[in-house]
Amino acid sequence: MATYLDAILASHRARAQADARPLERIVERARQASPLRDFAAAIGAPGLSVIAEVKRRSPSKGALAPDLVPGVLAKQYDAGGAAALSVLTDEDHFGGSAADLVEARSAVDLPVLRKDFTVDPRDVADARFMGADAVLLIVAALDDAELRDLHALADDLGLATLVEAHDEAEVERALGAGARIVGVNQRDLVTFQVDTDRAVRVAATIPSGVLKVAESGVRDGADAARLAAAGYDAVLVGEHLVTSRDPAQALRDLVAPCS
């Protein structure tokens, strides 16, 4: 039976296969893109950092905040103390776009992660074109050669790379590809169910010196404090913030127990 991940990856790989743009040319253009903001330094600052997400909908939950204004939301996140932004750019499954990223980044001085299903070198170059400071690589979506090559290209273009794992074996693969920022997603990408013990369980397998990010299922200050105690440098939070009446205050409340 096809899963959410199967459908999303099939769509992205078909689009990549149909992309006839000469890779060398677009990579060279990407090297000349606008200056980057330091994503790793931002989320590695003392205390628990929040990567606040601009997210309109999800395949499992449907519409979350379909009418959000990226620039307005980015400013609310900035006021609430976010260290960085994550912006969904997948249109078909999450309702995002490159325009959302451009608008959000233009509104604030925070570094921005392009949150998407990166499957091709052109995806990395496109992240640089649209102004992203970091790119997401999902271990479950890539084989080892793809993971290594895409990470190396991101390095070459100056992009930070958040390498997302779901279990101990995927953490090992991430580290083998050279990951310096490892995210542990508590949402199973097959069922889209959240296991709130997953990040705490997997944290011990991530060595010191590697930035640790917990993703999904962070709903309140107690969740955030538990993840901070487990050694996480940052949490990536989307649904909880975009569905809040006051995203800035929701963000402050999230990190207050960790202060």
C-alpha atoms as a PDB file:
ATOM      1  CA  MET A   1       0.000   0.000   0.000  1.00  0.00           C
ATOM      2  CA  ALA A   2       1.382   3.423  -0.985  1.00  0.00           C
ATOM      3  CA  THR A   3       2.291   5.773   1.871  1.00  0.00           C
ATOM      4  CA  TYR A   4       2.387   9.562   2.184  1.00  0.00           C
ATOM      5  CA  LEU A   5       6.146   9.433   1.691  1.00  0.00           C
ATOM      6  CA  ASP A   6       5.879   7.221  -1.403  1.00  0.00           C
ATOM      7  CA  ALA A   7       3.481   9.638  -3.075  1.00  0.00           C
ATOM      8  CA  ILE A   8       5.491  12.735  -2.188  1.00  0.00           C
ATOM      9  CA  LEU A   9       8.804  11.252  -3.323  1.00  0.00           C
ATOM     10  CA  ALA A  10       7.320   9.932  -6.553  1.00  0.00           C
ATOM     11  CA  SER A  11       6.085  13.418  -7.356  1.00  0.00           C
ATOM     12  CA  HIS A  12       9.414  15.065  -6.600  1.00  0.00           C
ATOM     13  CA  ARG A  13      11.486  12.481  -8.445  1.00  0.00           C
ATOM     14  CA  ALA A  14       9.269  12.759 -11.522  1.00  0.00           C
ATOM     15  CA  ARG A  15       9.691  16.521 -11.483  1.00  0.00           C
ATOM     16  CA  ALA A  16      13.458  16.176 -11.096  1.00  0.00           C
ATOM     17  CA  GLN A  17      13.645  13.728 -13.976  1.00  0.00           C
ATOM     18  CA  ALA A  18      11.763  16.161 -16.212  1.00  0.00           C
ATOM     19  CA  ASP A  19      14.040  19.093 -15.278  1.00  0.00           C
ATOM     20  CA  ALA A  20      16.264  19.674 -18.321  1.00  0.00           C
ATOM     21  CA  ARG A  21      18.224  22.623 -16.908  1.00  0.00           C
ATOM     22  CA  PRO A  22      21.992  22.069 -17.286  1.00  0.00           C
ATOM     23  CA  LEU A  23      23.230  21.208 -13.795  1.00  0.00           C
ATOM     24  CA  GLU A  24      26.685  22.778 -14.089  1.00  0.00           C
ATOM     25  CA  ARG A  25      25.214  26.072 -15.227  1.00  0.00           C
ATOM     26  CA  ILE A  26      22.671  26.391 -12.428  1.00  0.00           C
ATOM     27  CA  VAL A  27      25.211  25.350  -9.788  1.00  0.00           C
ATOM     28  CA  GLU A  28      27.577  28.047 -11.014  1.00  0.00           C
ATOM     29  CA  ARG A  29      24.774  30.610 -10.881  1.00  0.00           C
ATOM     30  CA  ALA A  30      23.885  29.455  -7.368  1.00  0.00           C
ATOM     31  CA  ARG A  31      27.443  30.198  -6.225  1.00  0.00           C
ATOM     32  CA  GLN A  32      26.808  33.829  -7.121  1.00  0.00           C
ATOM     33  CA  ALA A  33      23.554  34.168  -5.192  1.00  0.00           C
ATOM     34  CA  SER A  34      22.973  36.650  -2.377  1.00  0.00           C
ATOM     35  CA  PRO A  35      24.969  36.434   0.891  1.00  0.00           C
ATOM     36  CA  LEU A  36      23.982  33.769   3.383  1.00  0.00           C
ATOM     37  CA  ARG A  37      22.955  34.034   7.032  1.00  0.00           C
ATOM     38  CA  ASP A  38      24.594  31.642   9.501  1.00  0.00           C
ATOM     39  CA  PHE A  39      21.969  29.014  10.268  1.00  0.00           C
ATOM     40  CA  ALA A  40      24.241  26.784  12.356  1.00  0.00           C
ATOM     41  CA  ALA A  41      25.432  29.637  14.563  1.00  0.00           C
ATOM     42  CA  ALA A  42      21.858  30.810  15.099  1.00  0.00           C
ATOM     43  CA  ILE A  43      20.505  27.460  16.283  1.00  0.00           C
ATOM     44  CA  GLY A  44      23.679  26.607  18.199  1.00  0.00           C
ATOM     45  CA  ALA A  45      23.457  29.622  20.500  1.00  0.00           C
ATOM     46  CA  PRO A  46      23.210  28.906  24.266  1.00  0.00           C
ATOM     47  CA  GLY A  47      19.851  27.639  25.468  1.00  0.00           C
ATOM     48  CA  LEU A  48      17.157  25.854  23.475  1.00  0.00           C
ATOM     49  CA  SER A  49      16.630  27.520  20.101  1.00  0.00           C
ATOM     50  CA  VAL A  50      13.408  27.406  18.112  1.00  0.00           C
ATOM     51  CA  ILE A  51      13.239  26.972  14.358  1.00  0.00           C
ATOM     52  CA  ALA A  52       9.752  28.323  13.720  1.00  0.00           C
ATOM     53  CA  GLU A  53       7.956  26.984  10.681  1.00  0.00           C
ATOM     54  CA  VAL A  54       5.831  28.670   8.032  1.00  0.00           C
ATOM     55  CA  LYS A  55       3.422  25.856   7.165  1.00  0.00           C
ATOM     56  CA  ARG A  56       0.022  26.120   5.510  1.00  0.00           C
ATOM     57  CA  ARG A  57      -1.102  22.483   5.593  1.00  0.00           C
ATOM     58  CA  SER A  58       0.056  18.879   5.869  1.00  0.00           C
ATOM     59  CA  PRO A  59      -0.940  15.661   4.077  1.00  0.00           C
ATOM     60  CA  SER A  60      -2.193  14.076   7.301  1.00  0.00           C
ATOM     61  CA  LYS A  61      -3.890  17.052   9.008  1.00  0.00           C
ATOM     62  CA  GLY A  62      -5.084  19.002   5.978  1.00  0.00           C
ATOM     63  CA  ALA A  63      -5.367  22.791   6.255  1.00  0.00           C
ATOM     64  CA  LEU A  64      -3.569  24.311   9.239  1.00  0.00           C
ATOM     65  CA  ALA A  65      -3.230  27.984   8.320  1.00  0.00           C
ATOM     66  CA  PRO A  66      -4.074  28.282   4.617  1.00  0.00           C
ATOM     67  CA  ASP A  67      -4.394  32.072   4.717  1.00  0.00           C
ATOM     68  CA  LEU A  68      -1.182  32.853   6.591  1.00  0.00           C
ATOM     69  CA  VAL A  69       0.901  35.764   5.339  1.00  0.00           C
ATOM     70  CA  PRO A  70       4.544  34.639   5.394  1.00  0.00           C
ATOM     71  CA  GLY A  71       6.027  38.061   6.069  1.00  0.00           C
ATOM     72  CA  VAL A  72       3.628  38.797   8.912  1.00  0.00           C
ATOM     73  CA  LEU A  73       4.164  35.380  10.488  1.00  0.00           C
ATOM     74  CA  ALA A  74       7.943  35.712  10.170  1.00  0.00           C
ATOM     75  CA  LYS A  75       7.820  39.008  12.073  1.00  0.00           C
ATOM     76  CA  GLN A  76       5.697  37.404  14.803  1.00  0.00           C
ATOM     77  CA  TYR A  77       8.218  34.595  15.112  1.00  0.00           C
ATOM     78  CA  ASP A  78      11.068  37.083  15.264  1.00  0.00           C
ATOM     79  CA  ALA A  79       9.269  39.021  18.017  1.00  0.00           C
ATOM     80  CA  GLY A  80       8.745  35.775  19.936  1.00  0.00           C
ATOM     81  CA  GLY A  81      12.456  34.985  19.913  1.00  0.00           C
ATOM     82  CA  ALA A  82      12.832  32.445  17.096  1.00  0.00           C
ATOM     83  CA  ALA A  83      16.438  31.645  16.182  1.00  0.00           C
ATOM     84  CA  ALA A  84      15.605  30.699  12.588  1.00  0.00           C
ATOM     85  CA  LEU A  85      12.727  30.045  10.226  1.00  0.00           C
ATOM     86  CA  SER A  86      11.715  26.915   8.343  1.00  0.00           C
ATOM     87  CA  VAL A  87       9.566  27.496   5.274  1.00  0.00           C
ATOM     88  CA  LEU A  88       7.705  24.767   3.402  1.00  0.00           C
ATOM     89  CA  THR A  89       8.152  25.158  -0.341  1.00  0.00           C
ATOM     90  CA  ASP A  90       6.346  21.968  -1.439  1.00  0.00           C
ATOM     91  CA  GLU A  91       3.184  23.170  -3.184  1.00  0.00           C
ATOM     92  CA  ASP A  92       1.302  19.977  -4.005  1.00  0.00           C
ATOM     93  CA  HIS A  93       1.336  18.389  -0.552  1.00  0.00           C
ATOM     94  CA  PHE A  94       1.962  21.269   1.891  1.00  0.00           C
ATOM     95  CA  GLY A  95       0.644  24.335   0.066  1.00  0.00           C
ATOM     96  CA  GLY A  96       4.006  26.098   0.202  1.00  0.00           C
ATOM     97  CA  SER A  97       6.046  27.867  -2.434  1.00  0.00           C
ATOM     98  CA  ALA A  98       9.343  29.550  -3.167  1.00  0.00           C
ATOM     99  CA  ALA A  99       7.442  32.842  -2.902  1.00  0.00           C
ATOM    100  CA  ASP A 100       6.592  32.015   0.723  1.00  0.00           C
ATOM    101  CA  LEU A 101      10.291  31.610   1.497  1.00  0.00           C
ATOM    102  CA  VAL A 102      11.280  34.800  -0.285  1.00  0.00           C
ATOM    103  CA  GLU A 103       8.615  36.817   1.534  1.00  0.00           C
ATOM    104  CA  ALA A 104       9.380  35.371   4.970  1.00  0.00           C
ATOM    105  CA  ARG A 105      13.134  35.881   4.622  1.00  0.00           C
ATOM    106  CA  SER A 106      12.705  39.441   3.357  1.00  0.00           C
ATOM    107  CA  ALA A 107      10.652  40.373   6.425  1.00  0.00           C
ATOM    108  CA  VAL A 108      13.292  39.519   9.067  1.00  0.00           C
ATOM    109  CA  ASP A 109      17.018  39.019   9.565  1.00  0.00           C
ATOM    110  CA  LEU A 110      16.732  35.380  10.659  1.00  0.00           C
ATOM    111  CA  PRO A 111      18.354  32.549   8.690  1.00  0.00           C
ATOM    112  CA  VAL A 112      15.920  30.363   6.777  1.00  0.00           C
ATOM    113  CA  LEU A 113      15.732  26.619   6.136  1.00  0.00           C
ATOM    114  CA  ARG A 114      14.112  25.505   2.902  1.00  0.00           C
ATOM    115  CA  LYS A 115      11.835  22.678   4.103  1.00  0.00           C
ATOM    116  CA  ASP A 116      11.202  20.375   1.175  1.00  0.00           C
ATOM    117  CA  PHE A 117      11.906  16.913  -0.193  1.00  0.00           C
ATOM    118  CA  THR A 118      15.346  17.342  -1.726  1.00  0.00           C
ATOM    119  CA  VAL A 119      16.051  14.552  -4.222  1.00  0.00           C
ATOM    120  CA  ASP A 120      18.215  16.164  -6.909  1.00  0.00           C
ATOM    121  CA  PRO A 121      21.215  18.535  -7.089  1.00  0.00           C
ATOM    122  CA  ARG A 122      19.002  21.107  -8.797  1.00  0.00           C
ATOM    123  CA  ASP A 123      16.872  21.195  -5.637  1.00  0.00           C
ATOM    124  CA  VAL A 124      19.942  22.274  -3.660  1.00  0.00           C
ATOM    125  CA  ALA A 125      20.837  24.956  -6.202  1.00  0.00           C
ATOM    126  CA  ASP A 126      17.226  26.155  -6.231  1.00  0.00           C
ATOM    127  CA  ALA A 127      17.314  26.529  -2.446  1.00  0.00           C
ATOM    128  CA  ARG A 128      20.285  28.845  -2.859  1.00  0.00           C
ATOM    129  CA  PHE A 129      18.538  30.772  -5.662  1.00  0.00           C
ATOM    130  CA  MET A 130      15.424  31.456  -3.630  1.00  0.00           C
ATOM    131  CA  GLY A 131      17.457  32.789  -0.711  1.00  0.00           C
ATOM    132  CA  ALA A 132      17.535  29.838   1.690  1.00  0.00           C
ATOM    133  CA  ASP A 133      20.423  29.621   4.136  1.00  0.00           C
ATOM    134  CA  ALA A 134      19.938  25.917   4.847  1.00  0.00           C
ATOM    135  CA  VAL A 135      18.531  22.889   3.081  1.00  0.00           C
ATOM    136  CA  LEU A 136      16.839  19.733   4.365  1.00  0.00           C
ATOM    137  CA  LEU A 137      18.033  16.231   3.467  1.00  0.00           C
ATOM    138  CA  ILE A 138      15.810  13.364   4.627  1.00  0.00           C
ATOM    139  CA  VAL A 139      17.738  10.138   5.159  1.00  0.00           C
ATOM    140  CA  ALA A 140      14.655   7.990   4.489  1.00  0.00           C
ATOM    141  CA  ALA A 141      14.234   9.621   1.067  1.00  0.00           C
ATOM    142  CA  LEU A 142      17.791   9.112  -0.210  1.00  0.00           C
ATOM    143  CA  ASP A 143      20.323   6.369  -0.710  1.00  0.00           C
ATOM    144  CA  ASP A 144      23.809   6.767   0.751  1.00  0.00           C
ATOM    145  CA  ALA A 145      25.366   8.096  -2.457  1.00  0.00           C
ATOM    146  CA  GLU A 146      22.610  10.679  -2.914  1.00  0.00           C
ATOM    147  CA  LEU A 147      22.859  11.737   0.716  1.00  0.00           C
ATOM    148  CA  ARG A 148      26.634  12.179   0.509  1.00  0.00           C
ATOM    149  CA  ASP A 149      26.596  13.977  -2.853  1.00  0.00           C
ATOM    150  CA  LEU A 150      23.765  16.360  -1.983  1.00  0.00           C
ATOM    151  CA  HIS A 151      25.391  17.189   1.355  1.00  0.00           C
ATOM    152  CA  ALA A 152      28.697  17.902  -0.419  1.00  0.00           C
ATOM    153  CA  LEU A 153      26.961  20.169  -2.942  1.00  0.00           C
ATOM    154  CA  ALA A 154      25.225  22.097  -0.157  1.00  0.00           C
ATOM    155  CA  ASP A 155      28.630  22.565   1.496  1.00  0.00           C
ATOM    156  CA  ASP A 156      30.066  23.781  -1.807  1.00  0.00           C
ATOM    157  CA  LEU A 157      27.295  26.362  -2.120  1.00  0.00           C
ATOM    158  CA  GLY A 158      27.711  27.507   1.485  1.00  0.00           C
ATOM    159  CA  LEU A 159      24.359  26.158   2.641  1.00  0.00           C
ATOM    160  CA  ALA A 160      23.910  24.602   6.057  1.00  0.00           C
ATOM    161  CA  THR A 161      22.329  21.142   5.898  1.00  0.00           C
ATOM    162  CA  LEU A 162      19.798  19.745   8.344  1.00  0.00           C
ATOM    163  CA  VAL A 163      19.979  15.971   7.872  1.00  0.00           C
ATOM    164  CA  GLU A 164      16.781  14.402   9.139  1.00  0.00           C
ATOM    165  CA  ALA A 165      16.708  10.930  10.700  1.00  0.00           C
ATOM    166  CA  HIS A 166      13.977   8.875  12.343  1.00  0.00           C
ATOM    167  CA  ASP A 167      15.935   6.194  14.200  1.00  0.00           C
ATOM    168  CA  GLU A 168      19.405   5.138  15.274  1.00  0.00           C
ATOM    169  CA  ALA A 169      20.267   3.488  11.959  1.00  0.00           C
ATOM    170  CA  GLU A 170      19.371   6.655  10.046  1.00  0.00           C
ATOM    171  CA  VAL A 171      21.470   8.753  12.430  1.00  0.00           C
ATOM    172  CA  GLU A 172      24.430   6.519  11.574  1.00  0.00           C
ATOM    173  CA  ARG A 173      23.798   7.073   7.866  1.00  0.00           C
ATOM    174  CA  ALA A 174      23.516  10.831   8.398  1.00  0.00           C
ATOM    175  CA  LEU A 175      26.834  10.945  10.216  1.00  0.00           C
ATOM    176  CA  GLY A 176      28.423   8.812   7.494  1.00  0.00           C
ATOM    177  CA  ALA A 177      27.404  11.452   4.958  1.00  0.00           C
ATOM    178  CA  GLY A 178      29.158  14.151   6.980  1.00  0.00           C
ATOM    179  CA  ALA A 179      26.175  15.643   8.799  1.00  0.00           C
ATOM    180  CA  ARG A 180      27.003  18.408  11.266  1.00  0.00           C
ATOM    181  CA  ILE A 181      23.345  19.171  12.043  1.00  0.00           C
ATOM    182  CA  VAL A 182      21.128  16.147  12.694  1.00  0.00           C
ATOM    183  CA  GLY A 183      17.387  16.416  13.107  1.00  0.00           C
ATOM    184  CA  VAL A 184      15.333  13.663  14.695  1.00  0.00           C
ATOM    185  CA  ASN A 185      11.807  13.753  13.346  1.00  0.00           C
ATOM    186  CA  GLN A 186       9.309  12.291  15.790  1.00  0.00           C
ATOM    187  CA  ARG A 187       6.758  11.950  12.985  1.00  0.00           C
ATOM    188  CA  ASP A 188       6.864   8.645  11.141  1.00  0.00           C
ATOM    189  CA  LEU A 189       6.981   9.540   7.450  1.00  0.00           C
ATOM    190  CA  VAL A 190       5.162   6.327   6.538  1.00  0.00           C
ATOM    191  CA  THR A 191       2.163   6.668   8.877  1.00  0.00           C
ATOM    192  CA  PHE A 192       2.624  10.389   9.797  1.00  0.00           C
ATOM    193  CA  GLN A 193       1.962   9.450  13.431  1.00  0.00           C
ATOM    194  CA  VAL A 194       4.050  11.152  16.150  1.00  0.00           C
ATOM    195  CA  ASP A 195       6.053   9.253  18.776  1.00  0.00           C
ATOM    196  CA  THR A 196       6.991  11.815  21.447  1.00  0.00           C
ATOM    197  CA  ASP A 197       9.595   9.469  22.966  1.00  0.00           C
ATOM    198  CA  ARG A 198      11.514   9.046  19.730  1.00  0.00           C
ATOM    199  CA  ALA A 199      13.795  12.089  19.943  1.00  0.00           C
ATOM    200  CA  VAL A 200      14.780  11.416  23.558  1.00  0.00           C
ATOM    201  CA  ARG A 201      15.536   7.791  22.724  1.00  0.00           C
ATOM    202  CA  VAL A 202      17.658   8.598  19.657  1.00  0.00           C
ATOM    203  CA  ALA A 203      19.533  11.572  21.149  1.00  0.00           C
ATOM    204  CA  ALA A 204      22.198   9.389  22.771  1.00  0.00           C
ATOM    205  CA  THR A 205      23.386   8.184  19.359  1.00  0.00           C
ATOM    206  CA  ILE A 206      24.254  11.702  18.162  1.00  0.00           C
ATOM    207  CA  PRO A 207      27.815  12.610  19.196  1.00  0.00           C
ATOM    208  CA  SER A 208      28.826  15.841  20.884  1.00  0.00           C
ATOM    209  CA  GLY A 209      29.952  18.435  18.401  1.00  0.00           C
ATOM    210  CA  VAL A 210      26.975  17.708  16.147  1.00  0.00           C
ATOM    211  CA  LEU A 211      24.039  20.105  16.490  1.00  0.00           C
ATOM    212  CA  LYS A 212      20.874  18.274  17.510  1.00  0.00           C
ATOM    213  CA  VAL A 213      17.389  19.334  16.387  1.00  0.00           C
ATOM    214  CA  ALA A 214      14.145  17.691  17.510  1.00  0.00           C
ATOM    215  CA  GLU A 215      11.313  17.912  14.995  1.00  0.00           C
ATOM    216  CA  SER A 216       7.539  17.410  15.229  1.00  0.00           C
ATOM    217  CA  GLY A 217       5.301  16.807  18.219  1.00  0.00           C
ATOM    218  CA  VAL A 218       6.505  19.778  20.306  1.00  0.00           C
ATOM    219  CA  ARG A 219       3.275  21.113  21.792  1.00  0.00           C
ATOM    220  CA  ASP A 220       4.191  22.963  24.970  1.00  0.00           C
ATOM    221  CA  GLY A 221       6.944  24.053  27.325  1.00  0.00           C
ATOM    222  CA  ALA A 222       7.088  20.652  29.003  1.00  0.00           C
ATOM    223  CA  ASP A 223       7.870  18.979  25.673  1.00  0.00           C
ATOM    224  CA  ALA A 224      10.542  21.571  24.934  1.00  0.00           C
ATOM    225  CA  ALA A 225      12.126  21.237  28.386  1.00  0.00           C
ATOM    226  CA  ARG A 226      12.268  17.453  28.050  1.00  0.00           C
ATOM    227  CA  LEU A 227      14.062  17.737  24.717  1.00  0.00           C
ATOM    228  CA  ALA A 228      16.481  20.330  26.053  1.00  0.00           C
ATOM    229  CA  ALA A 229      17.299  17.999  28.950  1.00  0.00           C
ATOM    230  CA  ALA A 230      17.978  15.225  26.427  1.00  0.00           C
ATOM    231  CA  GLY A 231      20.654  17.383  24.834  1.00  0.00           C
ATOM    232  CA  TYR A 232      18.887  19.042  21.933  1.00  0.00           C
ATOM    233  CA  ASP A 233      20.157  22.420  20.776  1.00  0.00           C
ATOM    234  CA  ALA A 234      16.955  23.327  18.955  1.00  0.00           C
ATOM    235  CA  VAL A 235      13.394  22.286  18.239  1.00  0.00           C
ATOM    236  CA  LEU A 236      11.618  22.745  14.929  1.00  0.00           C
ATOM    237  CA  VAL A 237       7.991  23.653  15.546  1.00  0.00           C
ATOM    238  CA  GLY A 238       5.292  24.189  12.953  1.00  0.00           C
ATOM    239  CA  GLU A 239       1.730  23.040  13.650  1.00  0.00           C
ATOM    240  CA  HIS A 240       1.672  24.260  17.265  1.00  0.00           C
ATOM    241  CA  LEU A 241       2.734  27.755  16.257  1.00  0.00           C
ATOM    242  CA  VAL A 242       0.775  28.286  13.027  1.00  0.00           C
ATOM    243  CA  THR A 243      -2.475  27.208  14.686  1.00  0.00           C
ATOM    244  CA  SER A 244      -1.939  29.500  17.681  1.00  0.00           C
ATOM    245  CA  ARG A 245      -3.890  32.749  18.007  1.00  0.00           C
ATOM    246  CA  ASP A 246      -0.682  34.516  19.049  1.00  0.00           C
ATOM    247  CA  PRO A 247       2.379  32.817  17.501  1.00  0.00           C
ATOM    248  CA  ALA A 248       4.850  35.154  19.208  1.00  0.00           C
ATOM    249  CA  GLN A 249       3.463  34.413  22.675  1.00  0.00           C
ATOM    250  CA  ALA A 250       3.147  30.707  21.899  1.00  0.00           C
ATOM    251  CA  LEU A 251       6.840  30.699  21.028  1.00  0.00           C
ATOM    252  CA  ARG A 252       7.781  32.531  24.239  1.00  0.00           C
ATOM    253  CA  ASP A 253       5.715  30.077  26.287  1.00  0.00           C
ATOM    254  CA  LEU A 254       7.434  27.166  24.559  1.00  0.00           C
ATOM    255  CA  VAL A 255      10.937  28.090  25.658  1.00  0.00           C
ATOM    256  CA  ALA A 256      10.117  29.717  29.024  1.00  0.00           C
ATOM    257  CA  PRO A 257      10.649  26.463  31.030  1.00  0.00           C
ATOM    258  CA  CYS A 258      14.078  26.084  29.405  1.00  0.00           C
ATOM    259  CA  SER A 259      15.380  29.510  30.440  1.00  0.00           C
END
